[in-house]
Amino acid sequence: MLNYMTSIKGEITDIVIEEMIGYYNSQRMKLYYLENEVSNIKNSSLPIRNTSRILRNLAERLLKEQQSVALNLSSMEY
């Protein structure tokens, strides 16, 4: 993957930087939507048991997304 990301001189190309920014923005939007889901659930009138289960599941998904973003961005740096 890194082979096509660098120029002949080994420099990161503008295309790669644009791809990284696009990827980062798409991951950020996913996190934004998950946070909105959590906020909507907190404000809804679901029974407490269901709400806590749903919030726990969303928190786990949010954590996985954050870890995925961090891992992918750090792997792009190398």
N, C-alpha and C. Protein backbone atom coordinates (compact mmCIF):
# COMPACT_ATOMS: atom_id res chain seq x y z
N MET A 1 0.82 -1.19 0.00
CA MET A 1 0.00 0.00 0.00
C MET A 1 0.87 1.26 0.00
N LEU A 2 1.93 1.23 0.78
CA LEU A 2 2.78 2.41 0.84
C LEU A 2 3.53 2.64 -0.46
N ASN A 3 3.73 1.60 -1.26
CA ASN A 3 4.45 1.77 -2.52
C ASN A 3 3.75 2.75 -3.44
N TYR A 4 2.45 2.63 -3.59
CA TYR A 4 1.74 3.54 -4.48
C TYR A 4 1.51 4.90 -3.85
N MET A 5 1.70 4.99 -2.54
CA MET A 5 1.44 6.24 -1.83
C MET A 5 2.61 7.22 -1.93
N THR A 6 3.76 6.76 -2.33
CA THR A 6 4.93 7.63 -2.37
C THR A 6 5.39 7.83 -3.81
N SER A 7 6.04 8.94 -4.03
CA SER A 7 6.58 9.22 -5.36
C SER A 7 7.89 8.47 -5.54
N ILE A 8 8.50 8.66 -6.70
CA ILE A 8 9.77 8.00 -6.98
C ILE A 8 10.83 8.42 -5.96
N LYS A 9 10.78 9.66 -5.52
CA LYS A 9 11.74 10.17 -4.54
C LYS A 9 11.41 9.72 -3.12
N GLY A 10 10.30 9.03 -2.94
CA GLY A 10 9.92 8.58 -1.61
C GLY A 10 9.10 9.60 -0.84
N GLU A 11 8.64 10.64 -1.52
CA GLU A 11 7.84 11.66 -0.85
C GLU A 11 6.37 11.30 -0.93
N ILE A 12 5.62 11.68 0.06
CA ILE A 12 4.18 11.46 0.04
C ILE A 12 3.57 12.42 -0.97
N THR A 13 2.71 11.91 -1.84
CA THR A 13 2.13 12.74 -2.89
C THR A 13 0.89 13.48 -2.39
N ASP A 14 0.49 14.50 -3.15
CA ASP A 14 -0.71 15.27 -2.81
C ASP A 14 -1.95 14.39 -2.83
N ILE A 15 -1.98 13.44 -3.76
CA ILE A 15 -3.14 12.54 -3.86
C ILE A 15 -3.29 11.73 -2.58
N VAL A 16 -2.18 11.27 -2.05
CA VAL A 16 -2.22 10.49 -0.82
C VAL A 16 -2.71 11.35 0.34
N ILE A 17 -2.23 12.56 0.40
CA ILE A 17 -2.65 13.46 1.47
C ILE A 17 -4.15 13.71 1.37
N GLU A 18 -4.65 13.92 0.15
CA GLU A 18 -6.09 14.12 -0.03
C GLU A 18 -6.87 12.88 0.39
N GLU A 19 -6.35 11.68 0.06
CA GLU A 19 -7.01 10.44 0.46
C GLU A 19 -7.03 10.30 1.98
N MET A 20 -5.92 10.65 2.62
CA MET A 20 -5.85 10.56 4.08
C MET A 20 -6.85 11.52 4.72
N ILE A 21 -6.95 12.73 4.18
CA ILE A 21 -7.89 13.71 4.71
C ILE A 21 -9.32 13.22 4.51
N GLY A 22 -9.62 12.68 3.33
CA GLY A 22 -10.95 12.14 3.06
C GLY A 22 -11.30 10.99 4.00
N TYR A 23 -10.32 10.10 4.22
CA TYR A 23 -10.55 8.98 5.13
C TYR A 23 -10.80 9.48 6.55
N TYR A 24 -9.97 10.42 6.99
CA TYR A 24 -10.13 10.98 8.32
C TYR A 24 -11.50 11.62 8.48
N ASN A 25 -11.93 12.39 7.49
CA ASN A 25 -13.23 13.05 7.56
C ASN A 25 -14.38 12.05 7.59
N SER A 26 -14.27 10.97 6.81
CA SER A 26 -15.35 9.97 6.83
C SER A 26 -15.41 9.27 8.18
N GLN A 27 -14.26 8.99 8.77
CA GLN A 27 -14.25 8.36 10.10
C GLN A 27 -14.81 9.32 11.14
N ARG A 28 -14.47 10.59 11.00
CA ARG A 28 -14.98 11.59 11.94
C ARG A 28 -16.50 11.70 11.85
N MET A 29 -17.04 11.59 10.64
CA MET A 29 -18.50 11.64 10.47
C MET A 29 -19.16 10.43 11.11
N LYS A 30 -18.54 9.25 11.00
CA LYS A 30 -19.08 8.06 11.65
C LYS A 30 -19.16 8.27 13.16
N LEU A 31 -18.09 8.81 13.72
CA LEU A 31 -18.08 9.08 15.16
C LEU A 31 -19.13 10.10 15.53
N TYR A 32 -19.31 11.10 14.70
CA TYR A 32 -20.32 12.13 14.95
C TYR A 32 -21.72 11.51 14.99
N TYR A 33 -22.02 10.63 14.03
CA TYR A 33 -23.33 9.99 13.99
C TYR A 33 -23.54 9.08 15.20
N LEU A 34 -22.50 8.37 15.62
CA LEU A 34 -22.62 7.53 16.82
C LEU A 34 -22.89 8.39 18.05
N GLU A 35 -22.20 9.51 18.16
CA GLU A 35 -22.43 10.40 19.30
C GLU A 35 -23.86 10.94 19.29
N ASN A 36 -24.37 11.25 18.10
CA ASN A 36 -25.76 11.70 18.00
C ASN A 36 -26.73 10.61 18.42
N GLU A 37 -26.45 9.36 18.05
CA GLU A 37 -27.30 8.25 18.47
C GLU A 37 -27.34 8.16 19.99
N VAL A 38 -26.17 8.28 20.61
CA VAL A 38 -26.11 8.22 22.07
C VAL A 38 -26.93 9.35 22.67
N SER A 39 -26.79 10.53 22.14
CA SER A 39 -27.54 11.68 22.65
C SER A 39 -29.03 11.48 22.48
N ASN A 40 -29.46 10.97 21.34
CA ASN A 40 -30.88 10.72 21.12
C ASN A 40 -31.43 9.66 22.06
N ILE A 41 -30.64 8.65 22.32
CA ILE A 41 -31.09 7.59 23.23
C ILE A 41 -31.22 8.14 24.65
N LYS A 42 -30.26 8.96 25.05
CA LYS A 42 -30.33 9.55 26.39
C LYS A 42 -31.60 10.39 26.55
N ASN A 43 -32.01 11.05 25.48
CA ASN A 43 -33.17 11.93 25.55
C ASN A 43 -34.49 11.21 25.27
N SER A 44 -34.43 9.94 24.91
CA SER A 44 -35.66 9.21 24.60
C SER A 44 -36.30 8.68 25.88
N SER A 45 -37.47 8.10 25.73
CA SER A 45 -38.20 7.59 26.89
C SER A 45 -38.19 6.07 26.93
N LEU A 46 -37.13 5.45 26.47
CA LEU A 46 -37.02 3.99 26.53
C LEU A 46 -36.88 3.54 27.97
N PRO A 47 -37.31 2.32 28.26
CA PRO A 47 -37.09 1.79 29.61
C PRO A 47 -35.61 1.81 29.97
N ILE A 48 -35.33 1.98 31.23
CA ILE A 48 -33.94 2.14 31.68
C ILE A 48 -33.08 0.94 31.28
N ARG A 49 -33.61 -0.26 31.41
CA ARG A 49 -32.81 -1.45 31.10
C ARG A 49 -32.39 -1.43 29.63
N ASN A 50 -33.32 -1.16 28.74
CA ASN A 50 -32.98 -1.12 27.31
C ASN A 50 -32.01 0.01 27.00
N THR A 51 -32.22 1.13 27.61
CA THR A 51 -31.34 2.28 27.36
C THR A 51 -29.92 1.97 27.78
N SER A 52 -29.73 1.38 28.94
CA SER A 52 -28.37 1.09 29.40
C SER A 52 -27.69 0.08 28.48
N ARG A 53 -28.43 -0.91 28.01
CA ARG A 53 -27.86 -1.90 27.10
C ARG A 53 -27.48 -1.24 25.77
N ILE A 54 -28.37 -0.42 25.25
CA ILE A 54 -28.10 0.26 23.98
C ILE A 54 -26.92 1.22 24.12
N LEU A 55 -26.88 1.95 25.22
CA LEU A 55 -25.75 2.88 25.44
C LEU A 55 -24.44 2.12 25.55
N ARG A 56 -24.46 0.98 26.22
CA ARG A 56 -23.23 0.19 26.35
C ARG A 56 -22.78 -0.29 24.97
N ASN A 57 -23.72 -0.76 24.15
CA ASN A 57 -23.37 -1.20 22.80
C ASN A 57 -22.83 -0.06 21.95
N LEU A 58 -23.46 1.10 22.05
CA LEU A 58 -22.97 2.26 21.28
C LEU A 58 -21.60 2.71 21.76
N ALA A 59 -21.39 2.67 23.07
CA ALA A 59 -20.08 3.06 23.61
C ALA A 59 -19.00 2.11 23.10
N GLU A 60 -19.32 0.82 23.02
CA GLU A 60 -18.36 -0.14 22.50
C GLU A 60 -18.08 0.12 21.02
N ARG A 61 -19.13 0.41 20.24
CA ARG A 61 -18.94 0.72 18.83
C ARG A 61 -18.11 1.98 18.65
N LEU A 62 -18.38 2.98 19.47
CA LEU A 62 -17.64 4.24 19.40
C LEU A 62 -16.16 4.01 19.71
N LEU A 63 -15.89 3.22 20.74
CA LEU A 63 -14.51 2.92 21.10
C LEU A 63 -13.81 2.19 19.95
N LYS A 64 -14.48 1.21 19.35
CA LYS A 64 -13.88 0.47 18.23
C LYS A 64 -13.59 1.40 17.05
N GLU A 65 -14.52 2.31 16.76
CA GLU A 65 -14.30 3.26 15.67
C GLU A 65 -13.11 4.16 15.96
N GLN A 66 -13.01 4.65 17.20
CA GLN A 66 -11.90 5.52 17.56
C GLN A 66 -10.57 4.78 17.44
N GLN A 67 -10.54 3.54 17.90
CA GLN A 67 -9.31 2.75 17.81
C GLN A 67 -8.96 2.47 16.36
N SER A 68 -9.97 2.20 15.54
CA SER A 68 -9.74 1.95 14.12
C SER A 68 -9.17 3.18 13.43
N VAL A 69 -9.73 4.34 13.73
CA VAL A 69 -9.23 5.58 13.14
C VAL A 69 -7.78 5.81 13.56
N ALA A 70 -7.51 5.67 14.84
CA ALA A 70 -6.15 5.90 15.33
C ALA A 70 -5.16 4.92 14.71
N LEU A 71 -5.54 3.66 14.61
CA LEU A 71 -4.66 2.65 14.04
C LEU A 71 -4.40 2.93 12.56
N ASN A 72 -5.45 3.24 11.82
CA ASN A 72 -5.29 3.49 10.39
C ASN A 72 -4.48 4.75 10.12
N LEU A 73 -4.70 5.79 10.90
CA LEU A 73 -3.92 7.01 10.71
C LEU A 73 -2.47 6.80 11.08
N SER A 74 -2.21 6.05 12.16
CA SER A 74 -0.82 5.83 12.55
C SER A 74 -0.11 4.93 11.54
N SER A 75 -0.83 3.98 10.94
CA SER A 75 -0.19 3.13 9.93
C SER A 75 0.09 3.91 8.65
N MET A 76 -0.69 4.95 8.37
CA MET A 76 -0.44 5.77 7.18
C MET A 76 0.79 6.64 7.36
N GLU A 77 1.13 6.93 8.60
CA GLU A 77 2.30 7.78 8.85
C GLU A 77 3.59 7.06 8.52
N TYR A 78 3.58 5.74 8.53
CA TYR A 78 4.81 4.98 8.28
C TYR A 78 4.84 4.49 6.91
